[in-house]
Amino acid sequence: MTTIDLANLIFPNINKTIDDLENLYPSRNLKPDAEVTRFAPSPTGFLHTGSLFTSFIAKKVAKQTGGIFYLRLEDTDTKREVEGAGEQLIKQLEEFNIDIDEGITLNGEKGIYGPYIQSQRKEIYQIVIKELIKKGLAYPCFCSIEDLDNLRKYQEEHKLITGYYQEFAKCRNLSIDEAYNLIKANKPYVIRFKSSGNHLNKIHVHDEIRGDLELSENDQDIVIMKSDGLPTYHFAHVVDDHFMHTTIITRGEEWLSSLPIHLQLFDALNFKRPKYAHLPVIMKVDENGNKRKLSKRKDKEAAVDFFLKAGYPIKAILTYLMSIANSNFEEYLIKNKDKDYNDFIFSFNKMSLDGALFDIEKLNYFSKEYLASLNKDDITSLVLSYSKLYNQDLYNLVSRDINYFKQIINIEREKDKPRKDYSCLSEIYNGIIYFYNDYYTNNINKELDIFFKDINISKINKLDLINYLKDLKDNLKFINLTEQEWFNNLKEIASRHNFCTNNKEYKLNPDKYLGNISTASQILRFAITLRFNTPNLYNILCILNTETFNKRMELFINSILN
């Protein structure tokens, strides 16, 4: 018996060769410095923020070099696969504008280097594995789970490196005849790669982020095909990245320890090695001030669903991700106020090796800046598209009267220094609800306690307060007045009720007055909004109009009297 006989027994229906695959998937016709990158998630759950970061960088590298970015679904781990997760991953990538040139989409595949789903590439892997067996570089392993558990226990007891290697790789020493007969006898098996390495030897590798590294050579006889006929990640990604002509592999730094395995496989197959860039893990500071990896289990921001449901604008999120990707990005934005992350040239050399620190406050900053930059029509469109999917209460509110909402959201917006009230769209509901009369009517009695607890208002007796409120109701004018004219009118009314309109004088003799003009304004503000903190009060009055103002003032006065 020969290795060819063994290979034919294992793969009797495989007649193609690696050369056939090379012809089927020819080199890409791209300029020399163009990069081919990919995002290759497993459908085992939600899209992690770290995975979004990885895909964003991969796309950026391809786009700025005139290359190709593609999506491959690595679904060979059938035990961990979650039904529907693949479709959700694709949908969420689309929501984050991570558009692809090739790969798997919700409407099928595009591109000539597919299939782009690993479970559909089974024949390709088998063609390659068959040639490895023929060359004596792979072999069937018949060890049971119990055999492997006993081996691990022995190695641990004797303080040895655990794994299936060298003298512990029992099945690599089986004769071809023995292996052949065991397969004929229907003995279950996997296929292992026959490593020629020694962990005592060092290999020199280059990482695009970390530079030149020295790593231990791989000597493990890793499984490359499981008993179900599907490949392992280690093997499948090597085959796929070769035939899809990936030029640089961007992935998390947790895969750095596996790099010797993957390079060894590329070399054994006479495949050109791609470049590797192991991205820093996204970290966060916990409640104890310690840095740790962003956790799927502990951290809500670990899932991109959190950002989508909260209504963080996509552009703000991607701007933030670029800021933690490259240390010079924020400086670039300061110097180029009309540019964004699409114009910025990303560089692996500017990535931190210590881990990218996730900072929700910094994300809020970018988000506030972006939302404040939108005109009333653009932010209204954004709010409607977001709320229709994720916030029905907000959608219903805005949809009542879209033009009314535009007036509200445009307060202090389209100006040189616009207000920056909102870090995400979900905050808008609470920020505008007081403009709607049903909310005001339903909540006025509940909010009065807050009003009277205010340290300045609590000093004013109820009779003086009522008289001031009635005067405001009867005499405050704002329609067809400028803001300054309105404010002068407010000061006149406030002065009649012993509110000081000169702050210097008030500071000298505070006990002579009910309060200052600020106190007088806050009483008016709360009376018509049930809030102490709002945007420009004059603008609010103009939007509410005289009729609503009069009704609210009357309701407020009556609520105090009752």
Protein backbone atom coordinates (compact mmCIF):
# COMPACT_ATOMS: atom_id res chain seq x y z
CA MET A 1 0.00 0.00 0.00
CA THR A 2 1.10 3.57 -0.69
CA THR A 3 -0.03 6.97 0.47
CA ILE A 4 -1.81 7.29 -2.88
CA ASP A 5 -3.88 4.19 -2.08
CA LEU A 6 -4.71 5.63 1.33
CA ALA A 7 -5.73 8.99 -0.16
CA ASN A 8 -7.93 7.26 -2.76
CA LEU A 9 -9.61 5.20 -0.05
CA ILE A 10 -10.45 8.30 2.00
CA PHE A 11 -11.49 10.45 -0.98
CA PRO A 12 -12.61 8.03 -3.73
CA ASN A 13 -14.67 10.68 -5.56
CA ILE A 14 -12.05 13.42 -5.56
CA ASN A 15 -10.30 13.54 -8.92
CA LYS A 16 -9.28 17.18 -9.14
CA THR A 17 -5.90 18.47 -8.01
CA ILE A 18 -4.52 21.65 -6.50
CA ASP A 19 -3.46 22.68 -10.01
CA ASP A 20 -7.09 22.43 -11.09
CA LEU A 21 -8.04 24.76 -8.26
CA GLU A 22 -5.30 27.21 -9.26
CA ASN A 23 -6.83 27.35 -12.74
CA LEU A 24 -10.34 27.72 -11.33
CA TYR A 25 -9.32 30.61 -9.07
CA PRO A 26 -6.70 32.60 -11.00
CA SER A 27 -4.75 35.52 -9.61
CA ARG A 28 -6.64 38.80 -9.39
CA ASN A 29 -5.95 41.48 -11.97
CA LEU A 30 -5.11 44.32 -9.58
CA LYS A 31 -2.36 46.91 -9.39
CA PRO A 32 0.73 45.74 -7.46
CA ASP A 33 0.07 47.62 -4.22
CA ALA A 34 -3.68 46.82 -4.06
CA GLU A 35 -4.64 44.85 -0.96
CA VAL A 36 -7.22 42.06 -0.89
CA THR A 37 -8.77 41.86 2.58
CA ARG A 38 -11.61 39.96 4.11
CA PHE A 39 -13.91 39.71 7.06
CA ALA A 40 -14.59 36.09 7.95
CA PRO A 41 -16.95 35.77 10.93
CA SER A 42 -18.43 32.59 12.35
CA PRO A 43 -22.23 32.51 12.68
CA THR A 44 -22.07 31.77 16.41
CA GLY A 45 -23.85 34.83 17.80
CA PHE A 46 -24.18 38.59 17.54
CA LEU A 47 -21.71 40.90 15.81
CA HIS A 48 -19.16 41.85 18.46
CA THR A 49 -17.81 45.40 18.61
CA GLY A 50 -14.34 43.92 18.16
CA SER A 51 -15.51 42.20 14.98
CA LEU A 52 -16.98 45.45 13.70
CA PHE A 53 -13.60 47.08 14.37
CA THR A 54 -11.81 44.29 12.46
CA SER A 55 -14.14 44.47 9.47
CA PHE A 56 -13.94 48.28 9.38
CA ILE A 57 -10.13 48.20 9.26
CA ALA A 58 -10.10 45.44 6.63
CA LYS A 59 -12.44 47.41 4.41
CA LYS A 60 -10.48 50.62 4.91
CA VAL A 61 -7.18 48.98 3.90
CA ALA A 62 -8.71 47.53 0.74
CA LYS A 63 -10.48 50.75 -0.28
CA GLN A 64 -7.53 53.09 0.19
CA THR A 65 -5.26 50.84 -1.90
CA GLY A 66 -7.74 50.24 -4.73
CA GLY A 67 -8.09 46.60 -3.70
CA ILE A 68 -10.91 44.19 -2.86
CA PHE A 69 -12.78 43.63 0.39
CA TYR A 70 -14.88 40.49 0.67
CA LEU A 71 -17.05 38.67 3.21
CA ARG A 72 -16.64 34.96 3.92
CA LEU A 73 -18.80 33.04 6.36
CA GLU A 74 -16.82 30.47 8.36
CA ASP A 75 -19.55 28.06 9.40
CA THR A 76 -17.64 24.78 9.81
CA ASP A 77 -18.05 24.75 13.60
CA THR A 78 -21.53 23.25 13.45
CA LYS A 79 -21.73 22.65 17.22
CA ARG A 80 -21.46 26.37 18.01
CA GLU A 81 -23.49 27.71 15.09
CA VAL A 82 -26.57 29.74 16.04
CA GLU A 83 -29.50 29.59 13.63
CA GLY A 84 -30.01 32.89 11.83
CA ALA A 85 -26.75 34.38 13.13
CA GLY A 86 -25.20 34.47 9.66
CA GLU A 87 -28.04 36.55 8.24
CA GLN A 88 -27.94 38.85 11.27
CA LEU A 89 -24.19 39.41 10.84
CA ILE A 90 -24.64 40.32 7.18
CA LYS A 91 -27.54 42.65 7.98
CA GLN A 92 -25.64 44.43 10.74
CA LEU A 93 -22.57 44.92 8.54
CA GLU A 94 -24.84 46.56 5.97
CA GLU A 95 -26.31 48.81 8.68
CA PHE A 96 -22.78 49.95 9.55
CA ASN A 97 -22.00 50.68 5.89
CA ILE A 98 -19.41 47.89 5.76
CA ASP A 99 -20.20 47.25 2.12
CA ILE A 100 -18.36 44.48 0.32
CA ASP A 101 -16.95 44.03 -3.17
CA GLU A 102 -17.45 40.27 -3.08
CA GLY A 103 -18.83 37.57 -0.89
CA ILE A 104 -21.98 36.49 0.81
CA THR A 105 -24.97 38.86 0.90
CA LEU A 106 -28.58 38.55 2.02
CA ASN A 107 -29.47 38.00 -1.65
CA GLY A 108 -26.86 35.35 -2.39
CA GLU A 109 -23.23 35.62 -3.41
CA LYS A 110 -21.31 37.97 -5.67
CA GLY A 111 -17.84 37.33 -7.01
CA ILE A 112 -16.03 34.54 -8.87
CA TYR A 113 -13.92 33.20 -5.99
CA GLY A 114 -16.77 31.50 -4.13
CA PRO A 115 -18.51 29.74 -2.66
CA TYR A 116 -18.02 32.28 0.15
CA ILE A 117 -19.59 29.99 2.76
CA GLN A 118 -17.09 27.43 4.04
CA SER A 119 -19.57 24.58 4.45
CA GLN A 120 -20.14 24.83 0.67
CA ARG A 121 -16.40 24.53 -0.07
CA LYS A 122 -16.05 20.97 1.23
CA GLU A 123 -14.78 19.59 -2.08
CA ILE A 124 -12.05 22.23 -2.26
CA TYR A 125 -10.70 21.28 1.17
CA GLN A 126 -10.84 17.59 0.32
CA ILE A 127 -8.86 18.15 -2.89
CA VAL A 128 -6.10 19.83 -0.90
CA ILE A 129 -6.14 17.31 1.95
CA LYS A 130 -6.00 14.40 -0.50
CA GLU A 131 -2.79 15.81 -1.96
CA LEU A 132 -1.32 16.27 1.52
CA ILE A 133 -2.04 12.61 2.29
CA LYS A 134 -0.48 11.55 -1.00
CA LYS A 135 2.68 13.47 -0.10
CA GLY A 136 2.78 11.98 3.41
CA LEU A 137 2.07 15.39 4.97
CA ALA A 138 -1.26 14.34 6.52
CA TYR A 139 -2.61 11.16 8.02
CA PRO A 140 -5.76 9.66 9.56
CA CYS A 141 -5.92 9.66 13.36
CA PHE A 142 -8.12 7.10 15.11
CA CYS A 143 -7.66 8.29 18.71
CA SER A 144 -10.90 8.54 20.64
CA ILE A 145 -11.90 11.41 22.92
CA GLU A 146 -11.01 9.16 25.85
CA ASP A 147 -7.55 8.50 24.36
CA LEU A 148 -6.92 12.22 24.00
CA ASP A 149 -8.19 12.97 27.53
CA ASN A 150 -5.83 10.36 28.97
CA LEU A 151 -2.95 11.81 26.95
CA ARG A 152 -3.67 15.33 28.24
CA LYS A 153 -3.87 14.11 31.86
CA TYR A 154 -0.54 12.30 31.51
CA GLN A 155 1.12 15.39 30.05
CA GLU A 156 -0.28 17.63 32.78
CA GLU A 157 0.83 15.23 35.53
CA HIS A 158 4.35 15.17 34.10
CA LYS A 159 4.38 18.96 33.48
CA LEU A 160 4.76 18.47 29.73
CA ILE A 161 3.39 20.63 26.91
CA THR A 162 -0.07 19.31 26.18
CA GLY A 163 -1.15 18.30 22.71
CA TYR A 164 -0.71 15.77 19.94
CA TYR A 165 2.93 16.03 18.83
CA GLN A 166 6.14 14.10 18.23
CA GLU A 167 6.25 10.96 20.40
CA PHE A 168 2.71 11.61 21.63
CA ALA A 169 1.31 11.58 18.10
CA LYS A 170 0.52 7.88 18.19
CA CYS A 171 -1.31 7.55 14.90
CA ARG A 172 1.38 9.26 12.81
CA ASN A 173 3.46 6.10 13.32
CA LEU A 174 0.81 3.72 12.03
CA SER A 175 1.81 1.98 8.83
CA ILE A 176 -0.16 2.77 5.72
CA ASP A 177 -1.55 -0.76 5.77
CA GLU A 178 -2.71 -0.38 9.39
CA ALA A 179 -4.43 2.90 8.66
CA TYR A 180 -5.97 1.50 5.48
CA ASN A 181 -7.42 -1.53 7.31
CA LEU A 182 -8.81 0.56 10.17
CA ILE A 183 -10.67 2.76 7.70
CA LYS A 184 -11.99 -0.31 5.88
CA ALA A 185 -13.20 -1.55 9.28
CA ASN A 186 -15.18 1.71 9.69
CA LYS A 187 -13.06 2.95 12.57
CA PRO A 188 -13.90 6.68 13.14
CA TYR A 189 -11.06 9.06 12.33
CA VAL A 190 -9.97 12.62 11.72
CA ILE A 191 -7.20 13.87 9.46
CA ARG A 192 -4.14 15.48 11.04
CA PHE A 193 -1.38 17.56 9.50
CA LYS A 194 2.05 15.97 10.03
CA SER A 195 4.19 18.73 11.49
CA SER A 196 7.94 18.69 10.95
CA GLY A 197 8.50 21.41 13.56
CA ASN A 198 9.99 21.51 17.02
CA HIS A 199 8.74 23.91 19.67
CA LEU A 200 12.33 24.41 20.86
CA ASN A 201 13.12 26.10 17.55
CA LYS A 202 12.24 29.72 16.86
CA ILE A 203 10.81 31.23 13.69
CA HIS A 204 11.07 34.86 12.67
CA VAL A 205 7.84 36.40 11.40
CA HIS A 206 6.67 39.89 10.58
CA ASP A 207 3.40 41.37 11.75
CA GLU A 208 2.20 44.57 10.08
CA ILE A 209 1.37 46.10 13.46
CA ARG A 210 3.87 44.51 15.85
CA GLY A 211 6.85 44.37 13.54
CA ASP A 212 9.38 41.51 13.59
CA LEU A 213 8.57 38.75 16.06
CA GLU A 214 10.24 35.56 17.26
CA LEU A 215 7.80 32.73 17.92
CA SER A 216 8.13 29.05 18.78
CA GLU A 217 7.89 26.74 15.81
CA ASN A 218 4.76 24.62 15.63
CA ASP A 219 5.18 20.92 16.33
CA GLN A 220 1.54 20.01 16.94
CA ASP A 221 -0.10 17.59 14.54
CA ILE A 222 -3.27 19.63 14.36
CA VAL A 223 -6.58 18.29 13.11
CA ILE A 224 -7.28 19.65 9.65
CA MET A 225 -10.42 17.61 8.90
CA LYS A 226 -12.95 16.59 11.51
CA SER A 227 -14.86 13.32 11.55
CA ASP A 228 -17.83 15.04 9.87
CA GLY A 229 -15.66 15.76 6.81
CA LEU A 230 -15.47 19.51 7.46
CA PRO A 231 -12.17 21.30 7.99
CA THR A 232 -10.97 23.09 11.11
CA TYR A 233 -10.46 26.87 11.16
CA HIS A 234 -6.67 26.49 11.03
CA PHE A 235 -6.78 24.60 7.75
CA ALA A 236 -9.81 26.18 6.06
CA HIS A 237 -8.61 29.75 6.37
CA VAL A 238 -5.26 28.85 4.80
CA VAL A 239 -6.94 27.22 1.81
CA ASP A 240 -9.55 29.93 1.42
CA ASP A 241 -7.17 32.85 1.75
CA HIS A 242 -4.90 31.29 -0.84
CA PHE A 243 -7.54 30.62 -3.47
CA MET A 244 -9.36 33.88 -2.80
CA HIS A 245 -5.95 35.60 -3.06
CA THR A 246 -6.11 37.47 0.23
CA THR A 247 -2.99 39.63 0.52
CA ILE A 248 -3.31 40.70 4.16
CA ILE A 249 -5.20 39.01 6.98
CA THR A 250 -6.52 41.34 9.67
CA ARG A 251 -7.66 39.56 12.80
CA GLY A 252 -7.59 39.87 16.59
CA GLU A 253 -4.35 39.50 18.50
CA GLU A 254 -5.71 36.37 20.22
CA TRP A 255 -4.79 34.53 16.99
CA LEU A 256 -1.13 35.53 17.17
CA SER A 257 -0.17 32.32 18.99
CA SER A 258 -1.63 30.30 16.08
CA LEU A 259 0.48 32.10 13.48
CA PRO A 260 3.26 29.44 13.41
CA ILE A 261 0.64 26.79 12.58
CA HIS A 262 -0.79 28.81 9.74
CA LEU A 263 2.56 29.77 8.23
CA GLN A 264 3.64 26.14 8.41
CA LEU A 265 0.54 25.11 6.49
CA PHE A 266 1.12 27.76 3.82
CA ASP A 267 4.69 26.55 3.40
CA ALA A 268 3.77 22.86 3.31
CA LEU A 269 1.26 23.55 0.53
CA ASN A 270 3.72 25.75 -1.41
CA PHE A 271 1.22 28.62 -1.09
CA LYS A 272 2.49 32.19 -0.96
CA ARG A 273 2.24 33.55 2.55
CA PRO A 274 -0.13 36.52 2.98
CA LYS A 275 0.74 39.37 5.32
CA TYR A 276 -0.76 39.30 8.79
CA ALA A 277 -1.91 42.18 11.00
CA HIS A 278 -3.05 41.14 14.47
CA LEU A 279 -5.27 43.96 15.69
CA PRO A 280 -5.22 45.06 19.33
CA VAL A 281 -8.03 43.78 21.52
CA ILE A 282 -10.65 46.37 22.47
CA MET A 283 -10.36 47.00 26.21
CA LYS A 284 -12.39 48.90 28.77
CA VAL A 285 -11.79 50.23 32.26
CA ASP A 286 -14.04 48.43 34.75
CA GLU A 287 -15.66 49.81 37.88
CA ASN A 288 -12.47 49.09 39.85
CA GLY A 289 -10.29 51.06 37.46
CA ASN A 290 -8.73 47.97 35.90
CA LYS A 291 -8.30 47.46 32.16
CA ARG A 292 -9.84 44.29 30.76
CA LYS A 293 -11.04 42.90 27.47
CA LEU A 294 -14.49 44.04 26.34
CA SER A 295 -16.70 41.12 27.38
CA LYS A 296 -19.70 39.67 25.59
CA ARG A 297 -21.07 38.55 28.94
CA LYS A 298 -20.41 41.65 31.05
CA ASP A 299 -20.57 44.65 28.73
CA LYS A 300 -23.64 45.84 26.83
CA GLU A 301 -21.40 47.80 24.45
CA ALA A 302 -19.72 44.54 23.39
CA ALA A 303 -22.61 43.90 20.99
CA VAL A 304 -23.22 46.29 18.10
CA ASP A 305 -26.95 45.88 18.81
CA PHE A 306 -26.41 48.22 21.74
CA PHE A 307 -25.37 51.07 19.43
CA LEU A 308 -28.12 50.38 16.90
CA LYS A 309 -30.88 50.30 19.51
CA ALA A 310 -29.56 53.38 21.30
CA GLY A 311 -29.48 55.24 18.00
CA TYR A 312 -25.83 56.16 17.76
CA PRO A 313 -25.34 57.45 14.21
CA ILE A 314 -23.25 55.08 12.12
CA LYS A 315 -20.88 57.79 10.99
CA ALA A 316 -20.13 58.74 14.60
CA ILE A 317 -19.40 55.13 15.55
CA LEU A 318 -17.04 54.63 12.62
CA THR A 319 -15.36 57.96 13.34
CA TYR A 320 -14.82 56.79 16.91
CA LEU A 321 -13.43 53.43 15.78
CA MET A 322 -10.95 55.19 13.54
CA SER A 323 -9.86 57.33 16.50
CA ILE A 324 -8.92 54.22 18.47
CA ALA A 325 -7.39 52.61 15.39
CA ASN A 326 -4.90 55.35 14.57
CA SER A 327 -3.37 57.75 17.07
CA ASN A 328 -3.06 60.57 14.52
CA PHE A 329 -6.68 60.55 13.33
CA GLU A 330 -8.01 63.18 15.73
CA GLU A 331 -5.17 65.52 14.81
CA TYR A 332 -6.13 64.97 11.17
CA LEU A 333 -9.75 65.95 11.89
CA ILE A 334 -8.67 69.16 13.64
CA LYS A 335 -6.55 70.17 10.64
CA ASN A 336 -9.13 69.02 8.07
CA LYS A 337 -12.55 70.05 9.36
CA ASP A 338 -14.22 69.29 6.02
CA LYS A 339 -12.84 65.71 5.93
CA ASP A 340 -13.82 62.46 7.63
CA TYR A 341 -12.56 58.89 8.11
CA ASN A 342 -13.16 58.12 4.43
CA ASP A 343 -10.52 60.67 3.43
CA PHE A 344 -8.05 59.70 6.15
CA ILE A 345 -5.17 57.34 5.21
CA PHE A 346 -5.10 54.54 7.76
CA SER A 347 -1.74 53.08 8.75
CA PHE A 348 -0.92 49.92 10.69
CA ASN A 349 2.14 51.72 12.05
CA LYS A 350 -0.08 54.10 13.99
CA MET A 351 -1.94 51.37 15.89
CA SER A 352 -1.44 50.94 19.62
CA LEU A 353 0.06 47.68 20.86
CA ASP A 354 -1.48 48.07 24.33
CA GLY A 355 -5.06 47.46 23.30
CA ALA A 356 -7.65 49.92 22.05
CA LEU A 357 -9.45 51.41 25.05
CA PHE A 358 -13.21 51.72 24.58
CA ASP A 359 -14.44 55.02 25.98
CA ILE A 360 -18.18 55.63 25.82
CA GLU A 361 -17.71 59.31 26.66
CA LYS A 362 -15.46 59.78 23.66
CA LEU A 363 -18.03 58.06 21.46
CA ASN A 364 -20.66 60.41 22.90
CA TYR A 365 -18.47 63.36 21.96
CA PHE A 366 -18.17 62.28 18.32
CA SER A 367 -21.87 61.48 18.21
CA LYS A 368 -22.90 64.87 19.62
CA GLU A 369 -20.65 66.63 17.15
CA TYR A 370 -22.13 64.74 14.21
CA LEU A 371 -25.79 65.06 15.24
CA ALA A 372 -25.33 68.79 15.87
CA SER A 373 -23.88 69.24 12.37
CA LEU A 374 -27.04 67.98 10.62
CA ASN A 375 -29.70 70.34 9.34
CA LYS A 376 -33.31 69.87 10.42
CA ASP A 377 -34.27 67.83 7.36
CA ASP A 378 -31.33 65.42 7.62
CA ILE A 379 -31.74 64.77 11.32
CA THR A 380 -35.49 64.31 10.89
CA SER A 381 -34.87 61.70 8.21
CA LEU A 382 -32.33 59.98 10.46
CA VAL A 383 -34.71 59.99 13.43
CA LEU A 384 -37.56 58.54 11.38
CA SER A 385 -35.49 55.71 9.90
CA TYR A 386 -34.00 54.86 13.31
CA SER A 387 -37.20 55.09 15.35
CA LYS A 388 -39.23 53.05 12.88
CA LEU A 389 -36.90 50.11 13.59
CA TYR A 390 -35.92 50.59 17.21
CA ASN A 391 -38.09 53.14 19.06
CA GLN A 392 -41.80 53.04 18.31
CA ASP A 393 -42.68 55.70 20.91
CA LEU A 394 -40.33 58.19 19.28
CA TYR A 395 -41.58 57.25 15.81
CA ASN A 396 -45.20 57.80 16.81
CA LEU A 397 -44.37 61.14 18.40
CA VAL A 398 -42.44 62.50 15.42
CA SER A 399 -44.98 61.14 12.95
CA ARG A 400 -47.82 63.13 14.52
CA ASP A 401 -46.59 66.27 12.78
CA ILE A 402 -43.22 66.09 11.06
CA ASN A 403 -43.04 69.83 10.41
CA TYR A 404 -43.70 70.50 14.09
CA PHE A 405 -40.85 68.14 15.00
CA LYS A 406 -38.57 69.95 12.57
CA GLN A 407 -39.26 73.23 14.36
CA ILE A 408 -38.42 71.63 17.70
CA ILE A 409 -35.25 69.86 16.59
CA ASN A 410 -34.05 72.99 14.81
CA ILE A 411 -33.81 75.10 17.98
CA GLU A 412 -30.29 76.57 18.03
CA ARG A 413 -29.25 74.10 15.33
CA GLU A 414 -28.48 75.74 12.00
CA LYS A 415 -25.94 78.26 13.30
CA ASP A 416 -22.16 78.60 13.69
CA LYS A 417 -22.16 77.01 17.14
CA PRO A 418 -25.17 74.69 17.30
CA ARG A 419 -26.44 73.08 20.50
CA LYS A 420 -25.10 69.61 21.22
CA ASP A 421 -27.86 68.06 23.28
CA TYR A 422 -27.96 64.50 22.01
CA SER A 423 -25.33 61.80 21.98
CA CYS A 424 -27.74 59.25 20.49
CA LEU A 425 -31.16 59.35 18.89
CA SER A 426 -32.92 57.50 21.72
CA GLU A 427 -32.33 60.57 23.92
CA ILE A 428 -34.46 62.74 21.66
CA TYR A 429 -37.79 61.39 22.95
CA ASN A 430 -37.18 62.65 26.47
CA GLY A 431 -35.66 65.84 25.07
CA ILE A 432 -38.77 66.88 23.13
CA ILE A 433 -41.74 65.23 24.84
CA TYR A 434 -42.65 68.38 26.79
CA PHE A 435 -43.57 70.11 23.52
CA TYR A 436 -46.61 67.84 23.29
CA ASN A 437 -49.69 68.90 25.20
CA ASP A 438 -50.87 65.44 26.28
CA TYR A 439 -47.55 64.88 28.05
CA TYR A 440 -47.80 68.26 29.76
CA THR A 441 -51.35 67.66 30.95
CA ASN A 442 -50.65 64.14 32.21
CA ASN A 443 -47.49 65.05 34.12
CA ILE A 444 -48.03 68.52 35.55
CA ASN A 445 -49.12 67.41 39.05
CA LYS A 446 -46.36 64.82 39.27
CA GLU A 447 -43.66 67.37 38.42
CA LEU A 448 -44.74 70.09 40.84
CA ASP A 449 -42.75 68.51 43.70
CA ILE A 450 -39.57 69.01 41.68
CA PHE A 451 -40.53 72.64 41.10
CA PHE A 452 -41.00 73.48 44.76
CA LYS A 453 -37.82 71.70 45.82
CA ASP A 454 -35.71 74.10 43.80
CA ILE A 455 -33.61 76.04 46.31
CA ASN A 456 -34.45 79.45 44.79
CA ILE A 457 -38.15 78.88 44.26
CA SER A 458 -38.68 77.34 47.69
CA LYS A 459 -37.94 80.73 49.27
CA ILE A 460 -40.83 82.42 47.44
CA ASN A 461 -44.22 82.35 49.13
CA LYS A 462 -47.10 80.94 47.14
CA LEU A 463 -49.05 84.21 46.85
CA ASP A 464 -46.08 86.08 45.32
CA LEU A 465 -45.48 83.17 42.99
CA ILE A 466 -49.10 83.05 41.81
CA ASN A 467 -49.20 86.79 41.20
CA TYR A 468 -46.02 86.59 39.10
CA LEU A 469 -47.37 83.65 37.08
CA LYS A 470 -50.67 85.43 36.42
CA ASP A 471 -48.84 88.54 35.26
CA LEU A 472 -46.77 86.39 32.87
CA LYS A 473 -49.91 84.75 31.52
CA ASP A 474 -51.66 88.05 30.89
CA ASN A 475 -48.81 90.25 29.74
CA LEU A 476 -45.82 88.30 28.41
CA LYS A 477 -45.47 88.85 24.67
CA PHE A 478 -43.24 86.96 22.24
CA ILE A 479 -45.04 86.61 18.92
CA ASN A 480 -43.66 89.07 16.32
CA LEU A 481 -41.03 90.26 18.80
CA THR A 482 -37.28 89.79 18.57
CA GLU A 483 -35.64 87.73 21.27
CA GLN A 484 -34.24 90.87 22.87
CA GLU A 485 -37.64 92.57 22.83
CA TRP A 486 -39.19 89.50 24.44
CA PHE A 487 -36.53 89.39 27.13
CA ASN A 488 -37.00 93.06 27.91
CA ASN A 489 -40.72 92.39 28.33
CA LEU A 490 -39.92 89.48 30.67
CA LYS A 491 -37.63 91.70 32.75
CA GLU A 492 -40.34 94.35 33.08
CA ILE A 493 -42.81 91.79 34.43
CA ALA A 494 -40.19 90.21 36.71
CA SER A 495 -39.18 93.61 38.08
CA ARG A 496 -42.81 94.35 39.02
CA HIS A 497 -42.71 91.30 41.27
CA ASN A 498 -39.45 92.17 43.00
CA PHE A 499 -37.11 90.04 40.90
CA CYS A 500 -33.81 91.88 40.46
CA THR A 501 -32.83 92.36 36.82
CA ASN A 502 -29.29 93.54 37.63
CA ASN A 503 -27.07 90.69 38.75
CA LYS A 504 -24.40 92.91 40.34
CA GLU A 505 -27.03 94.62 42.47
CA TYR A 506 -28.58 91.23 43.35
CA LYS A 507 -25.25 89.88 44.59
CA LEU A 508 -24.87 92.91 46.87
CA ASN A 509 -28.38 92.71 48.33
CA PRO A 510 -29.93 89.25 47.65
CA ASP A 511 -32.29 89.42 50.63
CA LYS A 512 -34.08 92.47 49.21
CA TYR A 513 -35.50 90.43 46.28
CA LEU A 514 -37.53 87.31 45.57
CA GLY A 515 -34.69 86.31 43.25
CA ASN A 516 -32.84 87.50 40.20
CA ILE A 517 -33.83 87.44 36.52
CA SER A 518 -32.44 83.90 36.26
CA THR A 519 -34.90 82.72 38.92
CA ALA A 520 -37.72 84.54 37.16
CA SER A 521 -36.80 82.86 33.87
CA GLN A 522 -36.59 79.42 35.49
CA ILE A 523 -40.10 79.80 36.91
CA LEU A 524 -41.39 80.61 33.41
CA ARG A 525 -39.37 77.78 31.88
CA PHE A 526 -40.75 75.19 34.29
CA ALA A 527 -44.29 76.50 34.02
CA ILE A 528 -44.42 75.84 30.27
CA THR A 529 -42.11 72.79 29.96
CA LEU A 530 -42.05 71.09 33.40
CA ARG A 531 -38.25 71.22 33.06
CA PHE A 532 -35.49 73.39 34.46
CA ASN A 533 -33.10 72.51 31.64
CA THR A 534 -34.22 73.15 28.07
CA PRO A 535 -32.96 74.82 24.91
CA ASN A 536 -33.57 78.51 24.24
CA LEU A 537 -36.72 79.60 26.10
CA TYR A 538 -37.73 82.22 23.53
CA ASN A 539 -37.63 79.62 20.75
CA ILE A 540 -39.74 77.25 22.81
CA LEU A 541 -42.39 79.91 23.36
CA CYS A 542 -42.54 80.73 19.65
CA ILE A 543 -43.03 77.05 18.76
CA LEU A 544 -45.70 76.52 21.42
CA ASN A 545 -47.57 79.71 20.28
CA THR A 546 -49.77 82.03 22.32
CA GLU A 547 -52.75 79.71 22.67
CA THR A 548 -50.72 76.84 24.09
CA PHE A 549 -48.77 79.23 26.33
CA ASN A 550 -51.98 80.58 27.86
CA LYS A 551 -53.44 77.10 28.42
CA ARG A 552 -50.28 75.82 30.07
CA MET A 553 -49.92 78.85 32.32
CA GLU A 554 -53.53 78.48 33.43
CA LEU A 555 -53.07 74.76 34.11
CA PHE A 556 -49.88 75.42 36.04
CA ILE A 557 -51.46 78.14 38.19
CA ASN A 558 -54.51 75.99 38.93
CA SER A 559 -52.32 73.01 39.83
CA ILE A 560 -50.46 75.12 42.39
CA LEU A 561 -53.71 76.47 43.84
CA ASN A 562 -55.18 73.00 44.12
